[in-house]
Every structure is written in structure tokens, then in C-alpha cells.
Amino acid sequence: MNVVLTVGNSMMGDDGAGPLLAEMMADAPIEGWIAVNGGSTPENVTHQIRDLKPSRLVIVDATDMELAPGEIRIVNPDDIAEMFFMSTHNMPLNFPDRPAT
């Protein structure tokens, strides 16, 4: 089982890319993958992700990285905390990657 955690606010323009992906995956499921829509408070769904015990966790979130529209970047979880960018979220995005205590 693999999980895509989508993050963002559909009312904030580009920030709605994550929730849109969750809707698209619900409409056209991909075998072996589950989409969990974290919206603008992904910390509220981390327990669901931990309960699923995914083999892979992919976090999808729109951010201003001065890239062309639609361009993506894969960011190492250890680098997320060091990156400086404005966030509309209440937790660092590398939080779901940490083991439960």
C-alpha cells in the first residue's frame, strides 16, 4: 500500500493543486495507491496515514519555487525543514515522515 498525502487549500488558487489531485485519484483510482486529502491542516490526517503503514508516502503540495507552471521538484524530507518559504500549513511537511512515539 502506498499513500499520496495531498496538501493545500482549494480556495487559494494554485494551492488547490493537492486537493484536486486527491479528487482525481478518487474518481480514477490507481492500483496500490490511496490518496489522503490533508487540505490546509495535514496534521489532522497523520494518524490515518500511520494506521495505513504505507510502503511509500508521497506528499503533494504547491509552493512558490520559481518554476514553470506544472513543473515539479522532489524534495528530500531532511531538506524540507531547512527550506525557507511561506506556508499555509500548521506543521512542517516532513512531520508525517517521522515515526510515531
PDB file of N, CA and C in Angstrom:
ATOM      1  N   MET A   1       0.840  -1.181   0.000  1.00  0.00           N
ATOM      2  CA  MET A   1       0.000   0.000   0.000  1.00  0.00           C
ATOM      3  C   MET A   1       0.883   1.241   0.000  1.00  0.00           C
ATOM      4  N   ASN A   2       0.551   2.176  -0.872  1.00  0.00           N
ATOM      5  CA  ASN A   2       1.248   3.447  -0.981  1.00  0.00           C
ATOM      6  C   ASN A   2       0.237   4.562  -0.754  1.00  0.00           C
ATOM      7  N   VAL A   3       0.694   5.669  -0.185  1.00  0.00           N
ATOM      8  CA  VAL A   3      -0.196   6.786   0.116  1.00  0.00           C
ATOM      9  C   VAL A   3       0.327   8.061  -0.528  1.00  0.00           C
ATOM     10  N   VAL A   4      -0.597   8.816  -1.123  1.00  0.00           N
ATOM     11  CA  VAL A   4      -0.325  10.177  -1.580  1.00  0.00           C
ATOM     12  C   VAL A   4      -1.058  11.100  -0.616  1.00  0.00           C
ATOM     13  N   LEU A   5      -0.311  11.894   0.134  1.00  0.00           N
ATOM     14  CA  LEU A   5      -0.894  12.909   1.014  1.00  0.00           C
ATOM     15  C   LEU A   5      -0.925  14.209   0.227  1.00  0.00           C
ATOM     16  N   THR A   6      -2.130  14.685  -0.059  1.00  0.00           N
ATOM     17  CA  THR A   6      -2.243  15.944  -0.780  1.00  0.00           C
ATOM     18  C   THR A   6      -2.494  17.059   0.222  1.00  0.00           C
ATOM     19  N   VAL A   7      -1.874  18.194  -0.044  1.00  0.00           N
ATOM     20  CA  VAL A   7      -1.918  19.320   0.878  1.00  0.00           C
ATOM     21  C   VAL A   7      -2.290  20.566   0.091  1.00  0.00           C
ATOM     22  N   GLY A   8      -3.121  21.409   0.662  1.00  0.00           N
ATOM     23  CA  GLY A   8      -3.439  22.676   0.025  1.00  0.00           C
ATOM     24  C   GLY A   8      -4.865  23.118   0.273  1.00  0.00           C
ATOM     25  N   ASN A   9      -5.135  24.339  -0.154  1.00  0.00           N
ATOM     26  CA  ASN A   9      -6.437  24.957   0.035  1.00  0.00           C
ATOM     27  C   ASN A   9      -7.021  25.286  -1.334  1.00  0.00           C
ATOM     28  N   SER A  10      -8.122  24.664  -1.668  1.00  0.00           N
ATOM     29  CA  SER A  10      -8.751  24.851  -2.978  1.00  0.00           C
ATOM     30  C   SER A  10      -9.224  26.279  -3.216  1.00  0.00           C
ATOM     31  N   MET A  11      -9.372  27.054  -2.166  1.00  0.00           N
ATOM     32  CA  MET A  11      -9.831  28.433  -2.306  1.00  0.00           C
ATOM     33  C   MET A  11      -8.675  29.411  -2.521  1.00  0.00           C
ATOM     34  N   MET A  12      -7.451  28.885  -2.609  1.00  0.00           N
ATOM     35  CA  MET A  12      -6.271  29.745  -2.725  1.00  0.00           C
ATOM     36  C   MET A  12      -5.545  29.533  -4.055  1.00  0.00           C
ATOM     37  N   GLY A  13      -6.287  29.452  -5.144  1.00  0.00           N
ATOM     38  CA  GLY A  13      -5.679  29.350  -6.474  1.00  0.00           C
ATOM     39  C   GLY A  13      -4.818  28.114  -6.633  1.00  0.00           C
ATOM     40  N   ASP A  14      -3.543  28.326  -6.977  1.00  0.00           N
ATOM     41  CA  ASP A  14      -2.616  27.217  -7.224  1.00  0.00           C
ATOM     42  C   ASP A  14      -2.494  26.271  -6.037  1.00  0.00           C
ATOM     43  N   ASP A  15      -2.731  26.776  -4.832  1.00  0.00           N
ATOM     44  CA  ASP A  15      -2.599  25.946  -3.633  1.00  0.00           C
ATOM     45  C   ASP A  15      -3.592  24.784  -3.643  1.00  0.00           C
ATOM     46  N   GLY A  16      -4.598  24.854  -4.499  1.00  0.00           N
ATOM     47  CA  GLY A  16      -5.586  23.787  -4.602  1.00  0.00           C
ATOM     48  C   GLY A  16      -5.150  22.609  -5.452  1.00  0.00           C
ATOM     49  N   ALA A  17      -3.906  22.624  -5.944  1.00  0.00           N
ATOM     50  CA  ALA A  17      -3.427  21.517  -6.792  1.00  0.00           C
ATOM     51  C   ALA A  17      -3.457  20.188  -6.043  1.00  0.00           C
ATOM     52  N   GLY A  18      -3.064  20.191  -4.784  1.00  0.00           N
ATOM     53  CA  GLY A  18      -3.059  18.954  -3.999  1.00  0.00           C
ATOM     54  C   GLY A  18      -4.452  18.363  -3.842  1.00  0.00           C
ATOM     55  N   PRO A  19      -5.408  19.145  -3.315  1.00  0.00           N
ATOM     56  CA  PRO A  19      -6.766  18.619  -3.193  1.00  0.00           C
ATOM     57  C   PRO A  19      -7.371  18.189  -4.529  1.00  0.00           C
ATOM     58  N   LEU A  20      -7.037  18.886  -5.608  1.00  0.00           N
ATOM     59  CA  LEU A  20      -7.524  18.485  -6.932  1.00  0.00           C
ATOM     60  C   LEU A  20      -6.997  17.101  -7.299  1.00  0.00           C
ATOM     61  N   LEU A  21      -5.730  16.846  -7.013  1.00  0.00           N
ATOM     62  CA  LEU A  21      -5.162  15.521  -7.279  1.00  0.00           C
ATOM     63  C   LEU A  21      -5.892  14.454  -6.469  1.00  0.00           C
ATOM     64  N   ALA A  22      -6.205  14.736  -5.206  1.00  0.00           N
ATOM     65  CA  ALA A  22      -6.942  13.769  -4.379  1.00  0.00           C
ATOM     66  C   ALA A  22      -8.297  13.452  -5.002  1.00  0.00           C
ATOM     67  N   GLU A  23      -8.989  14.479  -5.503  1.00  0.00           N
ATOM     68  CA  GLU A  23     -10.284  14.264  -6.162  1.00  0.00           C
ATOM     69  C   GLU A  23     -10.117  13.409  -7.414  1.00  0.00           C
ATOM     70  N   MET A  24      -9.085  13.711  -8.200  1.00  0.00           N
ATOM     71  CA  MET A  24      -8.851  12.959  -9.435  1.00  0.00           C
ATOM     72  C   MET A  24      -8.534  11.496  -9.132  1.00  0.00           C
ATOM     73  N   MET A  25      -7.765  11.249  -8.059  1.00  0.00           N
ATOM     74  CA  MET A  25      -7.433   9.871  -7.690  1.00  0.00           C
ATOM     75  C   MET A  25      -8.653   9.136  -7.146  1.00  0.00           C
ATOM     76  N   ALA A  26      -9.567   9.862  -6.498  1.00  0.00           N
ATOM     77  CA  ALA A  26     -10.807   9.236  -6.021  1.00  0.00           C
ATOM     78  C   ALA A  26     -11.690   8.844  -7.206  1.00  0.00           C
ATOM     79  N   ASP A  27     -11.704   9.686  -8.233  1.00  0.00           N
ATOM     80  CA  ASP A  27     -12.516   9.414  -9.427  1.00  0.00           C
ATOM     81  C   ASP A  27     -11.916   8.326 -10.310  1.00  0.00           C
ATOM     82  N   ALA A  28     -10.586   8.218 -10.311  1.00  0.00           N
ATOM     83  CA  ALA A  28      -9.886   7.229 -11.145  1.00  0.00           C
ATOM     84  C   ALA A  28      -8.780   6.590 -10.307  1.00  0.00           C
ATOM     85  N   PRO A  29      -9.151   5.664  -9.417  1.00  0.00           N
ATOM     86  CA  PRO A  29      -8.164   5.065  -8.506  1.00  0.00           C
ATOM     87  C   PRO A  29      -6.996   4.414  -9.244  1.00  0.00           C
ATOM     88  N   ILE A  30      -5.841   4.469  -8.605  1.00  0.00           N
ATOM     89  CA  ILE A  30      -4.627   3.841  -9.120  1.00  0.00           C
ATOM     90  C   ILE A  30      -4.323   2.652  -8.215  1.00  0.00           C
ATOM     91  N   GLU A  31      -4.205   1.472  -8.807  1.00  0.00           N
ATOM     92  CA  GLU A  31      -3.983   0.261  -8.021  1.00  0.00           C
ATOM     93  C   GLU A  31      -2.750   0.413  -7.130  1.00  0.00           C
ATOM     94  N   GLY A  32      -2.925   0.075  -5.857  1.00  0.00           N
ATOM     95  CA  GLY A  32      -1.819   0.118  -4.908  1.00  0.00           C
ATOM     96  C   GLY A  32      -1.598   1.471  -4.259  1.00  0.00           C
ATOM     97  N   TRP A  33      -2.419   2.472  -4.617  1.00  0.00           N
ATOM     98  CA  TRP A  33      -2.266   3.825  -4.079  1.00  0.00           C
ATOM     99  C   TRP A  33      -3.569   4.312  -3.473  1.00  0.00           C
ATOM    100  N   ILE A  34      -3.455   5.023  -2.368  1.00  0.00           N
ATOM    101  CA  ILE A  34      -4.589   5.681  -1.722  1.00  0.00           C
ATOM    102  C   ILE A  34      -4.234   7.156  -1.595  1.00  0.00           C
ATOM    103  N   ALA A  35      -5.177   8.032  -1.933  1.00  0.00           N
ATOM    104  CA  ALA A  35      -4.981   9.470  -1.741  1.00  0.00           C
ATOM    105  C   ALA A  35      -5.650   9.881  -0.438  1.00  0.00           C
ATOM    106  N   VAL A  36      -4.922  10.617   0.377  1.00  0.00           N
ATOM    107  CA  VAL A  36      -5.454  11.182   1.610  1.00  0.00           C
ATOM    108  C   VAL A  36      -5.355  12.697   1.463  1.00  0.00           C
ATOM    109  N   ASN A  37      -6.500  13.371   1.469  1.00  0.00           N
ATOM    110  CA  ASN A  37      -6.520  14.821   1.309  1.00  0.00           C
ATOM    111  C   ASN A  37      -6.307  15.474   2.665  1.00  0.00           C
ATOM    112  N   GLY A  38      -5.138  16.068   2.845  1.00  0.00           N
ATOM    113  CA  GLY A  38      -4.824  16.754   4.093  1.00  0.00           C
ATOM    114  C   GLY A  38      -5.321  18.183   4.134  1.00  0.00           C
ATOM    115  N   GLY A  39      -5.794  18.697   2.986  1.00  0.00           N
ATOM    116  CA  GLY A  39      -6.266  20.078   2.950  1.00  0.00           C
ATOM    117  C   GLY A  39      -5.213  21.033   3.479  1.00  0.00           C
ATOM    118  N   SER A  40      -5.642  22.051   4.208  1.00  0.00           N
ATOM    119  CA  SER A  40      -4.691  23.020   4.752  1.00  0.00           C
ATOM    120  C   SER A  40      -4.247  22.660   6.168  1.00  0.00           C
ATOM    121  N   THR A  41      -4.730  21.523   6.684  1.00  0.00           N
ATOM    122  CA  THR A  41      -4.294  21.056   8.009  1.00  0.00           C
ATOM    123  C   THR A  41      -3.924  19.572   7.933  1.00  0.00           C
ATOM    124  N   PRO A  42      -2.819  19.265   7.249  1.00  0.00           N
ATOM    125  CA  PRO A  42      -2.448  17.858   7.078  1.00  0.00           C
ATOM    126  C   PRO A  42      -2.163  17.134   8.390  1.00  0.00           C
ATOM    127  N   GLU A  43      -1.876  17.884   9.447  1.00  0.00           N
ATOM    128  CA  GLU A  43      -1.644  17.226  10.737  1.00  0.00           C
ATOM    129  C   GLU A  43      -2.876  16.483  11.228  1.00  0.00           C
ATOM    130  N   ASN A  44      -4.055  16.849  10.720  1.00  0.00           N
ATOM    131  CA  ASN A  44      -5.287  16.181  11.140  1.00  0.00           C
ATOM    132  C   ASN A  44      -5.464  14.794  10.534  1.00  0.00           C
ATOM    133  N   VAL A  45      -4.654  14.435   9.541  1.00  0.00           N
ATOM    134  CA  VAL A  45      -4.788  13.122   8.901  1.00  0.00           C
ATOM    135  C   VAL A  45      -3.553  12.240   9.092  1.00  0.00           C
ATOM    136  N   THR A  46      -2.561  12.715   9.836  1.00  0.00           N
ATOM    137  CA  THR A  46      -1.345  11.906  10.000  1.00  0.00           C
ATOM    138  C   THR A  46      -1.641  10.584  10.696  1.00  0.00           C
ATOM    139  N   HIS A  47      -2.620  10.557  11.600  1.00  0.00           N
ATOM    140  CA  HIS A  47      -2.967   9.291  12.263  1.00  0.00           C
ATOM    141  C   HIS A  47      -3.504   8.280  11.253  1.00  0.00           C
ATOM    142  N   GLN A  48      -4.281   8.748  10.269  1.00  0.00           N
ATOM    143  CA  GLN A  48      -4.796   7.846   9.231  1.00  0.00           C
ATOM    144  C   GLN A  48      -3.647   7.245   8.423  1.00  0.00           C
ATOM    145  N   ILE A  49      -2.673   8.083   8.097  1.00  0.00           N
ATOM    146  CA  ILE A  49      -1.532   7.612   7.312  1.00  0.00           C
ATOM    147  C   ILE A  49      -0.725   6.602   8.112  1.00  0.00           C
ATOM    148  N   ARG A  50      -0.486   6.896   9.369  1.00  0.00           N
ATOM    149  CA  ARG A  50       0.280   5.954  10.206  1.00  0.00           C
ATOM    150  C   ARG A  50      -0.461   4.631  10.363  1.00  0.00           C
ATOM    151  N   ASP A  51      -1.783   4.686  10.484  1.00  0.00           N
ATOM    152  CA  ASP A  51      -2.572   3.454  10.599  1.00  0.00           C
ATOM    153  C   ASP A  51      -2.481   2.605   9.330  1.00  0.00           C
ATOM    154  N   LEU A  52      -2.344   3.249   8.175  1.00  0.00           N
ATOM    155  CA  LEU A  52      -2.226   2.526   6.905  1.00  0.00           C
ATOM    156  C   LEU A  52      -0.865   1.861   6.736  1.00  0.00           C
ATOM    157  N   LYS A  53       0.142   2.343   7.464  1.00  0.00           N
ATOM    158  CA  LYS A  53       1.507   1.808   7.381  1.00  0.00           C
ATOM    159  C   LYS A  53       1.966   1.673   5.918  1.00  0.00           C
ATOM    160  N   PRO A  54       2.001   2.790   5.198  1.00  0.00           N
ATOM    161  CA  PRO A  54       2.335   2.712   3.772  1.00  0.00           C
ATOM    162  C   PRO A  54       3.786   2.320   3.516  1.00  0.00           C
ATOM    163  N   SER A  55       3.998   1.641   2.398  1.00  0.00           N
ATOM    164  CA  SER A  55       5.364   1.350   1.943  1.00  0.00           C
ATOM    165  C   SER A  55       6.026   2.622   1.448  1.00  0.00           C
ATOM    166  N   ARG A  56       5.234   3.462   0.795  1.00  0.00           N
ATOM    167  CA  ARG A  56       5.717   4.750   0.283  1.00  0.00           C
ATOM    168  C   ARG A  56       4.723   5.834   0.671  1.00  0.00           C
ATOM    169  N   LEU A  57       5.257   7.004   0.978  1.00  0.00           N
ATOM    170  CA  LEU A  57       4.435   8.185   1.232  1.00  0.00           C
ATOM    171  C   LEU A  57       4.937   9.295   0.324  1.00  0.00           C
ATOM    172  N   VAL A  58       4.046   9.780  -0.535  1.00  0.00           N
ATOM    173  CA  VAL A  58       4.359  10.906  -1.413  1.00  0.00           C
ATOM    174  C   VAL A  58       3.488  12.072  -0.955  1.00  0.00           C
ATOM    175  N   ILE A  59       4.129  13.208  -0.671  1.00  0.00           N
ATOM    176  CA  ILE A  59       3.400  14.405  -0.263  1.00  0.00           C
ATOM    177  C   ILE A  59       3.364  15.359  -1.447  1.00  0.00           C
ATOM    178  N   VAL A  60       2.156  15.776  -1.823  1.00  0.00           N
ATOM    179  CA  VAL A  60       1.983  16.699  -2.945  1.00  0.00           C
ATOM    180  C   VAL A  60       1.469  18.022  -2.393  1.00  0.00           C
ATOM    181  N   ASP A  61       2.249  19.083  -2.627  1.00  0.00           N
ATOM    182  CA  ASP A  61       1.892  20.411  -2.139  1.00  0.00           C
ATOM    183  C   ASP A  61       2.422  21.442  -3.124  1.00  0.00           C
ATOM    184  N   ALA A  62       1.616  22.422  -3.454  1.00  0.00           N
ATOM    185  CA  ALA A  62       2.064  23.505  -4.338  1.00  0.00           C
ATOM    186  C   ALA A  62       2.813  24.539  -3.506  1.00  0.00           C
ATOM    187  N   THR A  63       3.913  25.025  -4.049  1.00  0.00           N
ATOM    188  CA  THR A  63       4.679  26.070  -3.375  1.00  0.00           C
ATOM    189  C   THR A  63       5.374  26.921  -4.422  1.00  0.00           C
ATOM    190  N   ASP A  64       5.730  28.118  -4.057  1.00  0.00           N
ATOM    191  CA  ASP A  64       6.433  29.009  -4.978  1.00  0.00           C
ATOM    192  C   ASP A  64       7.918  28.681  -4.938  1.00  0.00           C
ATOM    193  N   MET A  65       8.382  27.996  -5.979  1.00  0.00           N
ATOM    194  CA  MET A  65       9.803  27.655  -6.095  1.00  0.00           C
ATOM    195  C   MET A  65      10.400  28.278  -7.357  1.00  0.00           C
ATOM    196  N   GLU A  66       9.681  29.284  -7.907  1.00  0.00           N
ATOM    197  CA  GLU A  66      10.124  29.975  -9.117  1.00  0.00           C
ATOM    198  C   GLU A  66      10.319  29.003 -10.284  1.00  0.00           C
ATOM    199  N   LEU A  67       9.374  28.066 -10.422  1.00  0.00           N
ATOM    200  CA  LEU A  67       9.390  27.091 -11.507  1.00  0.00           C
ATOM    201  C   LEU A  67       8.283  27.428 -12.500  1.00  0.00           C
ATOM    202  N   ALA A  68       8.354  26.834 -13.669  1.00  0.00           N
ATOM    203  CA  ALA A  68       7.291  26.996 -14.661  1.00  0.00           C
ATOM    204  C   ALA A  68       6.020  26.313 -14.147  1.00  0.00           C
ATOM    205  N   PRO A  69       4.837  26.824 -14.514  1.00  0.00           N
ATOM    206  CA  PRO A  69       3.594  26.174 -14.091  1.00  0.00           C
ATOM    207  C   PRO A  69       3.589  24.692 -14.465  1.00  0.00           C
ATOM    208  N   GLY A  70       3.215  23.861 -13.501  1.00  0.00           N
ATOM    209  CA  GLY A  70       3.157  22.422 -13.731  1.00  0.00           C
ATOM    210  C   GLY A  70       4.459  21.692 -13.496  1.00  0.00           C
ATOM    211  N   GLU A  71       5.555  22.422 -13.324  1.00  0.00           N
ATOM    212  CA  GLU A  71       6.847  21.773 -13.090  1.00  0.00           C
ATOM    213  C   GLU A  71       6.893  21.266 -11.650  1.00  0.00           C
ATOM    214  N   ILE A  72       7.559  20.135 -11.451  1.00  0.00           N
ATOM    215  CA  ILE A  72       7.623  19.545 -10.109  1.00  0.00           C
ATOM    216  C   ILE A  72       9.068  19.418  -9.645  1.00  0.00           C
ATOM    217  N   ARG A  73       9.221  19.282  -8.350  1.00  0.00           N
ATOM    218  CA  ARG A  73      10.513  19.010  -7.733  1.00  0.00           C
ATOM    219  C   ARG A  73      10.304  17.944  -6.667  1.00  0.00           C
ATOM    220  N   ILE A  74      11.244  17.049  -6.573  1.00  0.00           N
ATOM    221  CA  ILE A  74      11.248  16.074  -5.489  1.00  0.00           C
ATOM    222  C   ILE A  74      12.194  16.624  -4.434  1.00  0.00           C
ATOM    223  N   VAL A  75      11.687  16.771  -3.221  1.00  0.00           N
ATOM    224  CA  VAL A  75      12.451  17.371  -2.137  1.00  0.00           C
ATOM    225  C   VAL A  75      12.726  16.311  -1.081  1.00  0.00           C
ATOM    226  N   ASN A  76      13.971  16.177  -0.688  1.00  0.00           N
ATOM    227  CA  ASN A  76      14.372  15.257   0.366  1.00  0.00           C
ATOM    228  C   ASN A  76      13.709  15.696   1.674  1.00  0.00           C
ATOM    229  N   PRO A  77      13.095  14.776   2.425  1.00  0.00           N
ATOM    230  CA  PRO A  77      12.435  15.152   3.680  1.00  0.00           C
ATOM    231  C   PRO A  77      13.345  15.908   4.644  1.00  0.00           C
ATOM    232  N   ASP A  78      14.623  15.578   4.661  1.00  0.00           N
ATOM    233  CA  ASP A  78      15.540  16.275   5.563  1.00  0.00           C
ATOM    234  C   ASP A  78      15.757  17.726   5.153  1.00  0.00           C
ATOM    235  N   ASP A  79      15.519  18.044   3.884  1.00  0.00           N
ATOM    236  CA  ASP A  79      15.714  19.407   3.397  1.00  0.00           C
ATOM    237  C   ASP A  79      14.497  20.293   3.622  1.00  0.00           C
ATOM    238  N   ILE A  80      13.340  19.697   3.855  1.00  0.00           N
ATOM    239  CA  ILE A  80      12.115  20.483   3.999  1.00  0.00           C
ATOM    240  C   ILE A  80      12.221  21.455   5.163  1.00  0.00           C
ATOM    241  N   ALA A  81      12.695  20.989   6.308  1.00  0.00           N
ATOM    242  CA  ALA A  81      12.785  21.845   7.484  1.00  0.00           C
ATOM    243  C   ALA A  81      13.760  22.994   7.271  1.00  0.00           C
ATOM    244  N   GLU A  82      14.752  22.811   6.394  1.00  0.00           N
ATOM    245  CA  GLU A  82      15.752  23.843   6.162  1.00  0.00           C
ATOM    246  C   GLU A  82      15.326  24.854   5.107  1.00  0.00           C
ATOM    247  N   MET A  83      14.314  24.508   4.320  1.00  0.00           N
ATOM    248  CA  MET A  83      13.864  25.417   3.263  1.00  0.00           C
ATOM    249  C   MET A  83      13.086  26.565   3.883  1.00  0.00           C
ATOM    250  N   PHE A  84      13.264  27.752   3.346  1.00  0.00           N
ATOM    251  CA  PHE A  84      12.506  28.900   3.828  1.00  0.00           C
ATOM    252  C   PHE A  84      11.473  29.265   2.782  1.00  0.00           C
ATOM    253  N   PHE A  85      10.238  29.069   3.112  1.00  0.00           N
ATOM    254  CA  PHE A  85       9.151  29.525   2.258  1.00  0.00           C
ATOM    255  C   PHE A  85       7.925  29.719   3.131  1.00  0.00           C
ATOM    256  N   MET A  86       7.033  30.564   2.668  1.00  0.00           N
ATOM    257  CA  MET A  86       5.802  30.812   3.402  1.00  0.00           C
ATOM    258  C   MET A  86       4.940  29.558   3.326  1.00  0.00           C
ATOM    259  N   SER A  87       4.298  29.231   4.419  1.00  0.00           N
ATOM    260  CA  SER A  87       3.462  28.045   4.448  1.00  0.00           C
ATOM    261  C   SER A  87       2.089  28.396   4.983  1.00  0.00           C
ATOM    262  N   THR A  88       1.083  27.787   4.415  1.00  0.00           N
ATOM    263  CA  THR A  88      -0.276  27.953   4.924  1.00  0.00           C
ATOM    264  C   THR A  88      -0.646  26.800   5.846  1.00  0.00           C
ATOM    265  N   HIS A  89       0.334  25.965   6.193  1.00  0.00           N
ATOM    266  CA  HIS A  89       0.066  24.774   6.985  1.00  0.00           C
ATOM    267  C   HIS A  89       0.526  24.980   8.422  1.00  0.00           C
ATOM    268  N   ASN A  90      -0.043  24.194   9.313  1.00  0.00           N
ATOM    269  CA  ASN A  90       0.243  24.339  10.731  1.00  0.00           C
ATOM    270  C   ASN A  90       1.342  23.415  11.225  1.00  0.00           C
ATOM    271  N   MET A  91       1.931  22.626  10.346  1.00  0.00           N
ATOM    272  CA  MET A  91       3.009  21.720  10.730  1.00  0.00           C
ATOM    273  C   MET A  91       4.017  21.655   9.605  1.00  0.00           C
ATOM    274  N   PRO A  92       5.255  21.289   9.920  1.00  0.00           N
ATOM    275  CA  PRO A  92       6.224  21.104   8.835  1.00  0.00           C
ATOM    276  C   PRO A  92       5.834  19.885   8.009  1.00  0.00           C
ATOM    277  N   LEU A  93       6.042  19.958   6.701  1.00  0.00           N
ATOM    278  CA  LEU A  93       5.590  18.874   5.830  1.00  0.00           C
ATOM    279  C   LEU A  93       6.400  17.600   5.963  1.00  0.00           C
ATOM    280  N   ASN A  94       7.511  17.625   6.680  1.00  0.00           N
ATOM    281  CA  ASN A  94       8.236  16.378   6.907  1.00  0.00           C
ATOM    282  C   ASN A  94       7.727  15.670   8.163  1.00  0.00           C
ATOM    283  N   PHE A  95       6.726  16.227   8.835  1.00  0.00           N
ATOM    284  CA  PHE A  95       6.175  15.630  10.049  1.00  0.00           C
ATOM    285  C   PHE A  95       5.642  14.216   9.846  1.00  0.00           C
ATOM    286  N   PRO A  96       4.869  13.919   8.769  1.00  0.00           N
ATOM    287  CA  PRO A  96       4.360  12.547   8.614  1.00  0.00           C
ATOM    288  C   PRO A  96       5.464  11.520   8.409  1.00  0.00           C
ATOM    289  N   ASP A  97       6.647  11.970   8.041  1.00  0.00           N
ATOM    290  CA  ASP A  97       7.769  11.074   7.798  1.00  0.00           C
ATOM    291  C   ASP A  97       8.394  10.578   9.100  1.00  0.00           C
ATOM    292  N   ARG A  98       8.064  11.219  10.207  1.00  0.00           N
ATOM    293  CA  ARG A  98       8.660  10.866  11.494  1.00  0.00           C
ATOM    294  C   ARG A  98       7.902   9.699  12.120  1.00  0.00           C
ATOM    295  N   PRO A  99       8.605   8.789  12.779  1.00  0.00           N
ATOM    296  CA  PRO A  99       7.920   7.648  13.403  1.00  0.00           C
ATOM    297  C   PRO A  99       7.024   8.083  14.557  1.00  0.00           C
ATOM    298  N   ALA A 100       5.962   7.339  14.770  1.00  0.00           N
ATOM    299  CA  ALA A 100       5.068   7.623  15.890  1.00  0.00           C
ATOM    300  C   ALA A 100       5.771   7.285  17.192  1.00  0.00           C
ATOM    301  N   THR A 101       5.483   8.078  18.221  1.00  0.00           N
ATOM    302  CA  THR A 101       6.085   7.810  19.536  1.00  0.00           C
ATOM    303  C   THR A 101       5.041   7.385  20.523  1.00  0.00           C
TER     304      THR A 101
END
